[in-house]
């Protein structure tokens, strides 16, 4: 079983967490449909080290950034939003 480190609660089993996507900057309201579609649906799906947003849904409910290698599933680090990267 994969164990993920919550920066608020410590290390817990993966079923307590929910994947919330990749970090993305929300476009302004004055952009066209193509920009909104890219924001909503296009993901990089990178192979190797990758930054993701997760929620500790079965615990504290907080969102955090997780750096994880998508090939080996090794967790590199967990950061609170706004923490130095």
PDB file of N, CA and C in Angstrom:
ATOM      1  N   UNK A   1       0.846  -1.178   0.000  1.00  0.00           N
ATOM      2  CA  UNK A   1       0.000   0.000   0.000  1.00  0.00           C
ATOM      3  C   UNK A   1       0.888   1.237   0.000  1.00  0.00           C
ATOM      4  N   UNK A   2       0.483   2.237  -0.759  1.00  0.00           N
ATOM      5  CA  UNK A   2       1.196   3.505  -0.823  1.00  0.00           C
ATOM      6  C   UNK A   2       0.898   4.320   0.429  1.00  0.00           C
ATOM      7  N   UNK A   3       1.934   4.883   1.026  1.00  0.00           N
ATOM      8  CA  UNK A   3       1.775   5.755   2.201  1.00  0.00           C
ATOM      9  C   UNK A   3       2.177   7.152   1.796  1.00  0.00           C
ATOM     10  N   UNK A   4       1.325   8.111   2.091  1.00  0.00           N
ATOM     11  CA  UNK A   4       1.565   9.503   1.713  1.00  0.00           C
ATOM     12  C   UNK A   4       1.775  10.355   2.958  1.00  0.00           C
ATOM     13  N   UNK A   5       2.694  11.321   2.873  1.00  0.00           N
ATOM     14  CA  UNK A   5       2.925  12.199   4.026  1.00  0.00           C
ATOM     15  C   UNK A   5       2.027  13.435   3.961  1.00  0.00           C
ATOM     16  N   UNK A   6       1.114  13.558   4.880  1.00  0.00           N
ATOM     17  CA  UNK A   6       0.314  14.773   4.995  1.00  0.00           C
ATOM     18  C   UNK A   6       1.166  15.787   5.763  1.00  0.00           C
ATOM     19  N   UNK A   7       1.380  17.000   5.234  1.00  0.00           N
ATOM     20  CA  UNK A   7       2.206  17.966   5.956  1.00  0.00           C
ATOM     21  C   UNK A   7       1.545  18.467   7.245  1.00  0.00           C
ATOM     22  N   UNK A   8       0.282  18.133   7.459  1.00  0.00           N
ATOM     23  CA  UNK A   8      -0.443  18.548   8.657  1.00  0.00           C
ATOM     24  C   UNK A   8      -0.550  17.416   9.681  1.00  0.00           C
ATOM     25  N   UNK A   9      -0.750  16.169   9.210  1.00  0.00           N
ATOM     26  CA  UNK A   9      -1.028  15.033  10.103  1.00  0.00           C
ATOM     27  C   UNK A   9       0.074  13.983  10.159  1.00  0.00           C
ATOM     28  N   UNK A  10       1.007  14.015   9.219  1.00  0.00           N
ATOM     29  CA  UNK A  10       2.032  12.982   9.152  1.00  0.00           C
ATOM     30  C   UNK A  10       1.683  11.920   8.118  1.00  0.00           C
ATOM     31  N   UNK A  11       2.428  10.842   8.119  1.00  0.00           N
ATOM     32  CA  UNK A  11       2.270   9.788   7.122  1.00  0.00           C
ATOM     33  C   UNK A  11       1.021   8.954   7.387  1.00  0.00           C
ATOM     34  N   UNK A  12       0.245   8.710   6.315  1.00  0.00           N
ATOM     35  CA  UNK A  12      -0.994   7.938   6.417  1.00  0.00           C
ATOM     36  C   UNK A  12      -1.137   7.045   5.172  1.00  0.00           C
ATOM     37  N   UNK A  13      -2.060   6.079   5.236  1.00  0.00           N
ATOM     38  CA  UNK A  13      -2.332   5.195   4.101  1.00  0.00           C
ATOM     39  C   UNK A  13      -3.029   5.952   2.981  1.00  0.00           C
ATOM     40  N   UNK A  14      -2.726   5.590   1.757  1.00  0.00           N
ATOM     41  CA  UNK A  14      -3.226   6.277   0.564  1.00  0.00           C
ATOM     42  C   UNK A  14      -4.759   6.356   0.454  1.00  0.00           C
ATOM     43  N   UNK A  15      -5.546   5.353   0.904  1.00  0.00           N
ATOM     44  CA  UNK A  15      -7.001   5.479   0.781  1.00  0.00           C
ATOM     45  C   UNK A  15      -7.606   6.681   1.517  1.00  0.00           C
ATOM     46  N   UNK A  16      -6.877   7.294   2.453  1.00  0.00           N
ATOM     47  CA  UNK A  16      -7.370   8.486   3.138  1.00  0.00           C
ATOM     48  C   UNK A  16      -7.296   9.738   2.265  1.00  0.00           C
ATOM     49  N   UNK A  17      -6.590   9.664   1.141  1.00  0.00           N
ATOM     50  CA  UNK A  17      -6.324  10.842   0.314  1.00  0.00           C
ATOM     51  C   UNK A  17      -7.100  10.807  -0.994  1.00  0.00           C
ATOM     52  N   UNK A  18      -7.282  11.979  -1.575  1.00  0.00           N
ATOM     53  CA  UNK A  18      -7.919  12.123  -2.890  1.00  0.00           C
ATOM     54  C   UNK A  18      -7.033  12.980  -3.777  1.00  0.00           C
ATOM     55  N   UNK A  19      -6.771  12.486  -4.978  1.00  0.00           N
ATOM     56  CA  UNK A  19      -6.008  13.236  -5.965  1.00  0.00           C
ATOM     57  C   UNK A  19      -6.852  14.410  -6.440  1.00  0.00           C
ATOM     58  N   UNK A  20      -6.278  15.602  -6.495  1.00  0.00           N
ATOM     59  CA  UNK A  20      -7.029  16.801  -6.882  1.00  0.00           C
ATOM     60  C   UNK A  20      -6.472  17.458  -8.137  1.00  0.00           C
ATOM     61  N   UNK A  21      -5.563  16.806  -8.844  1.00  0.00           N
ATOM     62  CA  UNK A  21      -5.077  17.335 -10.113  1.00  0.00           C
ATOM     63  C   UNK A  21      -3.692  17.946 -10.026  1.00  0.00           C
ATOM     64  N   UNK A  22      -3.330  18.609 -11.115  1.00  0.00           N
ATOM     65  CA  UNK A  22      -2.055  19.309 -11.204  1.00  0.00           C
ATOM     66  C   UNK A  22      -2.244  20.758 -10.786  1.00  0.00           C
ATOM     67  N   UNK A  23      -1.208  21.368 -10.221  1.00  0.00           N
ATOM     68  CA  UNK A  23      -1.318  22.803  -9.929  1.00  0.00           C
ATOM     69  C   UNK A  23      -1.487  23.577 -11.228  1.00  0.00           C
ATOM     70  N   UNK A  24      -2.438  24.485 -11.269  1.00  0.00           N
ATOM     71  CA  UNK A  24      -2.691  25.272 -12.480  1.00  0.00           C
ATOM     72  C   UNK A  24      -3.148  26.670 -12.092  1.00  0.00           C
ATOM     73  N   UNK A  25      -2.802  27.629 -12.925  1.00  0.00           N
ATOM     74  CA  UNK A  25      -3.223  29.008 -12.709  1.00  0.00           C
ATOM     75  C   UNK A  25      -4.534  29.222 -13.457  1.00  0.00           C
ATOM     76  N   UNK A  26      -5.561  29.629 -12.734  1.00  0.00           N
ATOM     77  CA  UNK A  26      -6.875  29.848 -13.324  1.00  0.00           C
ATOM     78  C   UNK A  26      -6.838  31.059 -14.253  1.00  0.00           C
ATOM     79  N   UNK A  27      -7.312  30.897 -15.511  1.00  0.00           N
ATOM     80  CA  UNK A  27      -7.312  32.036 -16.429  1.00  0.00           C
ATOM     81  C   UNK A  27      -8.374  33.060 -16.053  1.00  0.00           C
ATOM     82  N   UNK A  28      -8.203  34.264 -16.547  1.00  0.00           N
ATOM     83  CA  UNK A  28      -9.179  35.319 -16.295  1.00  0.00           C
ATOM     84  C   UNK A  28     -10.491  35.044 -17.003  1.00  0.00           C
ATOM     85  N   UNK A  29     -11.506  35.827 -16.690  1.00  0.00           N
ATOM     86  CA  UNK A  29     -12.836  35.607 -17.270  1.00  0.00           C
ATOM     87  C   UNK A  29     -12.957  36.111 -18.704  1.00  0.00           C
ATOM     88  N   UNK A  30     -11.963  36.828 -19.187  1.00  0.00           N
ATOM     89  CA  UNK A  30     -12.038  37.406 -20.522  1.00  0.00           C
ATOM     90  C   UNK A  30     -11.363  36.558 -21.599  1.00  0.00           C
ATOM     91  N   UNK A  31     -11.072  35.288 -21.318  1.00  0.00           N
ATOM     92  CA  UNK A  31     -10.413  34.422 -22.297  1.00  0.00           C
ATOM     93  C   UNK A  31     -11.447  33.599 -23.059  1.00  0.00           C
ATOM     94  N   UNK A  32     -11.021  33.031 -24.171  1.00  0.00           N
ATOM     95  CA  UNK A  32     -11.927  32.258 -25.015  1.00  0.00           C
ATOM     96  C   UNK A  32     -12.113  30.820 -24.554  1.00  0.00           C
ATOM     97  N   UNK A  33     -12.964  30.111 -25.285  1.00  0.00           N
ATOM     98  CA  UNK A  33     -13.289  28.724 -24.955  1.00  0.00           C
ATOM     99  C   UNK A  33     -12.078  27.803 -25.012  1.00  0.00           C
ATOM    100  N   UNK A  34     -11.175  28.027 -25.964  1.00  0.00           N
ATOM    101  CA  UNK A  34     -10.008  27.159 -26.107  1.00  0.00           C
ATOM    102  C   UNK A  34      -9.112  27.240 -24.868  1.00  0.00           C
ATOM    103  N   UNK A  35      -8.944  28.431 -24.317  1.00  0.00           N
ATOM    104  CA  UNK A  35      -8.121  28.593 -23.117  1.00  0.00           C
ATOM    105  C   UNK A  35      -8.779  27.907 -21.931  1.00  0.00           C
ATOM    106  N   UNK A  36     -10.093  28.066 -21.788  1.00  0.00           N
ATOM    107  CA  UNK A  36     -10.806  27.395 -20.688  1.00  0.00           C
ATOM    108  C   UNK A  36     -10.747  25.883 -20.831  1.00  0.00           C
ATOM    109  N   UNK A  37     -10.906  25.382 -22.049  1.00  0.00           N
ATOM    110  CA  UNK A  37     -10.841  23.938 -22.277  1.00  0.00           C
ATOM    111  C   UNK A  37      -9.461  23.397 -21.909  1.00  0.00           C
ATOM    112  N   UNK A  38      -8.410  24.117 -22.276  1.00  0.00           N
ATOM    113  CA  UNK A  38      -7.057  23.686 -21.932  1.00  0.00           C
ATOM    114  C   UNK A  38      -6.862  23.682 -20.413  1.00  0.00           C
ATOM    115  N   UNK A  39      -7.371  24.696 -19.741  1.00  0.00           N
ATOM    116  CA  UNK A  39      -7.261  24.777 -18.278  1.00  0.00           C
ATOM    117  C   UNK A  39      -7.992  23.618 -17.601  1.00  0.00           C
ATOM    118  N   UNK A  40      -9.168  23.274 -18.088  1.00  0.00           N
ATOM    119  CA  UNK A  40      -9.987  22.246 -17.461  1.00  0.00           C
ATOM    120  C   UNK A  40      -9.561  20.814 -17.783  1.00  0.00           C
ATOM    121  N   UNK A  41      -9.111  20.579 -19.022  1.00  0.00           N
ATOM    122  CA  UNK A  41      -8.953  19.198 -19.465  1.00  0.00           C
ATOM    123  C   UNK A  41      -7.551  18.765 -19.856  1.00  0.00           C
ATOM    124  N   UNK A  42      -6.667  19.672 -20.219  1.00  0.00           N
ATOM    125  CA  UNK A  42      -5.347  19.282 -20.700  1.00  0.00           C
ATOM    126  C   UNK A  42      -4.385  19.123 -19.518  1.00  0.00           C
ATOM    127  N   UNK A  43      -3.765  17.963 -19.419  1.00  0.00           N
ATOM    128  CA  UNK A  43      -2.804  17.671 -18.371  1.00  0.00           C
ATOM    129  C   UNK A  43      -1.502  17.216 -19.012  1.00  0.00           C
ATOM    130  N   UNK A  44      -0.401  17.476 -18.342  1.00  0.00           N
ATOM    131  CA  UNK A  44       0.905  17.153 -18.919  1.00  0.00           C
ATOM    132  C   UNK A  44       1.197  15.653 -18.890  1.00  0.00           C
ATOM    133  N   UNK A  45       0.671  14.923 -17.905  1.00  0.00           N
ATOM    134  CA  UNK A  45       0.872  13.480 -17.789  1.00  0.00           C
ATOM    135  C   UNK A  45       2.350  13.109 -17.916  1.00  0.00           C
ATOM    136  N   UNK A  46       3.180  13.819 -17.172  1.00  0.00           N
ATOM    137  CA  UNK A  46       4.624  13.637 -17.248  1.00  0.00           C
ATOM    138  C   UNK A  46       5.062  12.302 -16.668  1.00  0.00           C
ATOM    139  N   UNK A  47       6.151  11.806 -17.190  1.00  0.00           N
ATOM    140  CA  UNK A  47       6.767  10.588 -16.687  1.00  0.00           C
ATOM    141  C   UNK A  47       7.969  11.005 -15.858  1.00  0.00           C
ATOM    142  N   UNK A  48       8.035  10.562 -14.616  1.00  0.00           N
ATOM    143  CA  UNK A  48       9.137  10.936 -13.737  1.00  0.00           C
ATOM    144  C   UNK A  48       8.653  11.845 -12.618  1.00  0.00           C
ATOM    145  N   UNK A  49       9.541  12.655 -12.031  1.00  0.00           N
ATOM    146  CA  UNK A  49       9.152  13.542 -10.932  1.00  0.00           C
ATOM    147  C   UNK A  49       8.067  14.530 -11.370  1.00  0.00           C
ATOM    148  N   UNK A  50       7.055  14.669 -10.529  1.00  0.00           N
ATOM    149  CA  UNK A  50       5.873  15.436 -10.908  1.00  0.00           C
ATOM    150  C   UNK A  50       5.251  16.051  -9.658  1.00  0.00           C
ATOM    151  N   UNK A  51       4.705  17.251  -9.777  1.00  0.00           N
ATOM    152  CA  UNK A  51       4.036  17.912  -8.647  1.00  0.00           C
ATOM    153  C   UNK A  51       2.523  17.783  -8.833  1.00  0.00           C
ATOM    154  N   UNK A  52       1.836  17.350  -7.777  1.00  0.00           N
ATOM    155  CA  UNK A  52       0.396  17.122  -7.815  1.00  0.00           C
ATOM    156  C   UNK A  52      -0.276  17.781  -6.611  1.00  0.00           C
ATOM    157  N   UNK A  53      -1.568  18.042  -6.732  1.00  0.00           N
ATOM    158  CA  UNK A  53      -2.363  18.544  -5.606  1.00  0.00           C
ATOM    159  C   UNK A  53      -3.167  17.363  -5.058  1.00  0.00           C
ATOM    160  N   UNK A  54      -3.109  17.193  -3.736  1.00  0.00           N
ATOM    161  CA  UNK A  54      -3.850  16.131  -3.058  1.00  0.00           C
ATOM    162  C   UNK A  54      -4.639  16.728  -1.905  1.00  0.00           C
ATOM    163  N   UNK A  55      -5.669  16.007  -1.498  1.00  0.00           N
ATOM    164  CA  UNK A  55      -6.465  16.386  -0.341  1.00  0.00           C
ATOM    165  C   UNK A  55      -6.458  15.227   0.648  1.00  0.00           C
ATOM    166  N   UNK A  56      -6.285  15.534   1.926  1.00  0.00           N
ATOM    167  CA  UNK A  56      -6.361  14.500   2.956  1.00  0.00           C
ATOM    168  C   UNK A  56      -7.829  14.381   3.378  1.00  0.00           C
ATOM    169  N   UNK A  57      -8.631  13.836   2.480  1.00  0.00           N
ATOM    170  CA  UNK A  57     -10.087  13.784   2.634  1.00  0.00           C
ATOM    171  C   UNK A  57     -10.522  12.966   3.846  1.00  0.00           C
ATOM    172  N   UNK A  58      -9.806  11.900   4.158  1.00  0.00           N
ATOM    173  CA  UNK A  58     -10.175  11.048   5.289  1.00  0.00           C
ATOM    174  C   UNK A  58      -9.487  11.441   6.579  1.00  0.00           C
ATOM    175  N   UNK A  59      -8.916  12.624   6.603  1.00  0.00           N
ATOM    176  CA  UNK A  59      -8.206  13.096   7.793  1.00  0.00           C
ATOM    177  C   UNK A  59      -8.546  14.551   8.051  1.00  0.00           C
ATOM    178  N   UNK A  60      -7.548  15.419   7.933  1.00  0.00           N
ATOM    179  CA  UNK A  60      -7.722  16.834   8.271  1.00  0.00           C
ATOM    180  C   UNK A  60      -8.480  17.626   7.215  1.00  0.00           C
ATOM    181  N   UNK A  61      -8.637  17.075   5.995  1.00  0.00           N
ATOM    182  CA  UNK A  61      -9.370  17.760   4.934  1.00  0.00           C
ATOM    183  C   UNK A  61      -8.577  18.836   4.210  1.00  0.00           C
ATOM    184  N   UNK A  62      -7.305  19.003   4.547  1.00  0.00           N
ATOM    185  CA  UNK A  62      -6.480  20.052   3.949  1.00  0.00           C
ATOM    186  C   UNK A  62      -5.944  19.625   2.579  1.00  0.00           C
ATOM    187  N   UNK A  63      -5.732  20.619   1.705  1.00  0.00           N
ATOM    188  CA  UNK A  63      -5.079  20.406   0.421  1.00  0.00           C
ATOM    189  C   UNK A  63      -3.587  20.655   0.591  1.00  0.00           C
ATOM    190  N   UNK A  64      -2.772  19.928  -0.189  1.00  0.00           N
ATOM    191  CA  UNK A  64      -1.326  20.120  -0.144  1.00  0.00           C
ATOM    192  C   UNK A  64      -0.711  19.689  -1.471  1.00  0.00           C
ATOM    193  N   UNK A  65       0.537  20.078  -1.691  1.00  0.00           N
ATOM    194  CA  UNK A  65       1.281  19.702  -2.891  1.00  0.00           C
ATOM    195  C   UNK A  65       2.136  18.485  -2.576  1.00  0.00           C
ATOM    196  N   UNK A  66       2.125  17.526  -3.484  1.00  0.00           N
ATOM    197  CA  UNK A  66       2.915  16.319  -3.311  1.00  0.00           C
ATOM    198  C   UNK A  66       3.837  16.184  -4.511  1.00  0.00           C
ATOM    199  N   UNK A  67       5.113  16.036  -4.259  1.00  0.00           N
ATOM    200  CA  UNK A  67       6.065  15.742  -5.321  1.00  0.00           C
ATOM    201  C   UNK A  67       6.303  14.242  -5.310  1.00  0.00           C
ATOM    202  N   UNK A  68       5.999  13.616  -6.468  1.00  0.00           N
ATOM    203  CA  UNK A  68       6.035  12.153  -6.551  1.00  0.00           C
ATOM    204  C   UNK A  68       6.604  11.747  -7.898  1.00  0.00           C
ATOM    205  N   UNK A  69       7.353  10.655  -7.914  1.00  0.00           N
ATOM    206  CA  UNK A  69       7.867  10.104  -9.162  1.00  0.00           C
ATOM    207  C   UNK A  69       6.791   9.182  -9.721  1.00  0.00           C
ATOM    208  N   UNK A  70       6.275   9.499 -10.895  1.00  0.00           N
ATOM    209  CA  UNK A  70       5.164   8.729 -11.461  1.00  0.00           C
ATOM    210  C   UNK A  70       5.600   7.369 -12.001  1.00  0.00           C
ATOM    211  N   UNK A  71       6.899   7.137 -12.125  1.00  0.00           N
ATOM    212  CA  UNK A  71       7.386   5.842 -12.591  1.00  0.00           C
ATOM    213  C   UNK A  71       7.532   4.880 -11.408  1.00  0.00           C
ATOM    214  N   UNK A  72       8.220   5.320 -10.355  1.00  0.00           N
ATOM    215  CA  UNK A  72       8.482   4.439  -9.214  1.00  0.00           C
ATOM    216  C   UNK A  72       7.491   4.623  -8.062  1.00  0.00           C
ATOM    217  N   UNK A  73       6.643   5.642  -8.127  1.00  0.00           N
ATOM    218  CA  UNK A  73       5.697   6.018  -7.073  1.00  0.00           C
ATOM    219  C   UNK A  73       6.405   6.471  -5.793  1.00  0.00           C
ATOM    220  N   UNK A  74       7.680   6.771  -5.888  1.00  0.00           N
ATOM    221  CA  UNK A  74       8.410   7.271  -4.722  1.00  0.00           C
ATOM    222  C   UNK A  74       7.925   8.684  -4.402  1.00  0.00           C
ATOM    223  N   UNK A  75       7.603   8.908  -3.143  1.00  0.00           N
ATOM    224  CA  UNK A  75       7.177  10.234  -2.703  1.00  0.00           C
ATOM    225  C   UNK A  75       8.427  11.026  -2.350  1.00  0.00           C
ATOM    226  N   UNK A  76       8.595  12.177  -3.009  1.00  0.00           N
ATOM    227  CA  UNK A  76       9.791  12.987  -2.802  1.00  0.00           C
ATOM    228  C   UNK A  76       9.612  13.964  -1.640  1.00  0.00           C
ATOM    229  N   UNK A  77       8.456  14.641  -1.587  1.00  0.00           N
ATOM    230  CA  UNK A  77       8.146  15.534  -0.466  1.00  0.00           C
ATOM    231  C   UNK A  77       6.724  16.044  -0.575  1.00  0.00           C
ATOM    232  N   UNK A  78       6.219  16.515   0.557  1.00  0.00           N
ATOM    233  CA  UNK A  78       4.881  17.115   0.626  1.00  0.00           C
ATOM    234  C   UNK A  78       5.031  18.537   1.146  1.00  0.00           C
ATOM    235  N   UNK A  79       4.311  19.468   0.532  1.00  0.00           N
ATOM    236  CA  UNK A  79       4.404  20.878   0.893  1.00  0.00           C
ATOM    237  C   UNK A  79       3.017  21.448   1.156  1.00  0.00           C
ATOM    238  N   UNK A  80       2.941  22.339   2.112  1.00  0.00           N
ATOM    239  CA  UNK A  80       1.698  23.093   2.320  1.00  0.00           C
ATOM    240  C   UNK A  80       1.602  24.138   1.217  1.00  0.00           C
ATOM    241  N   UNK A  81       0.399  24.503   0.786  1.00  0.00           N
ATOM    242  CA  UNK A  81       0.259  25.545  -0.232  1.00  0.00           C
ATOM    243  C   UNK A  81       0.963  26.825   0.218  1.00  0.00           C
ATOM    244  N   UNK A  82       1.752  27.404  -0.675  1.00  0.00           N
ATOM    245  CA  UNK A  82       2.459  28.631  -0.354  1.00  0.00           C
ATOM    246  C   UNK A  82       3.828  28.416   0.257  1.00  0.00           C
ATOM    247  N   UNK A  83       4.169  27.172   0.614  1.00  0.00           N
ATOM    248  CA  UNK A  83       5.492  26.889   1.155  1.00  0.00           C
ATOM    249  C   UNK A  83       6.533  27.039   0.061  1.00  0.00           C
ATOM    250  N   UNK A  84       7.747  27.346   0.446  1.00  0.00           N
ATOM    251  CA  UNK A  84       8.838  27.495  -0.519  1.00  0.00           C
ATOM    252  C   UNK A  84       8.977  26.206  -1.328  1.00  0.00           C
ATOM    253  N   UNK A  85       9.165  26.345  -2.616  1.00  0.00           N
ATOM    254  CA  UNK A  85       9.246  25.155  -3.459  1.00  0.00           C
ATOM    255  C   UNK A  85      10.645  24.716  -3.729  1.00  0.00           C
TER     256      UNK A  85
END
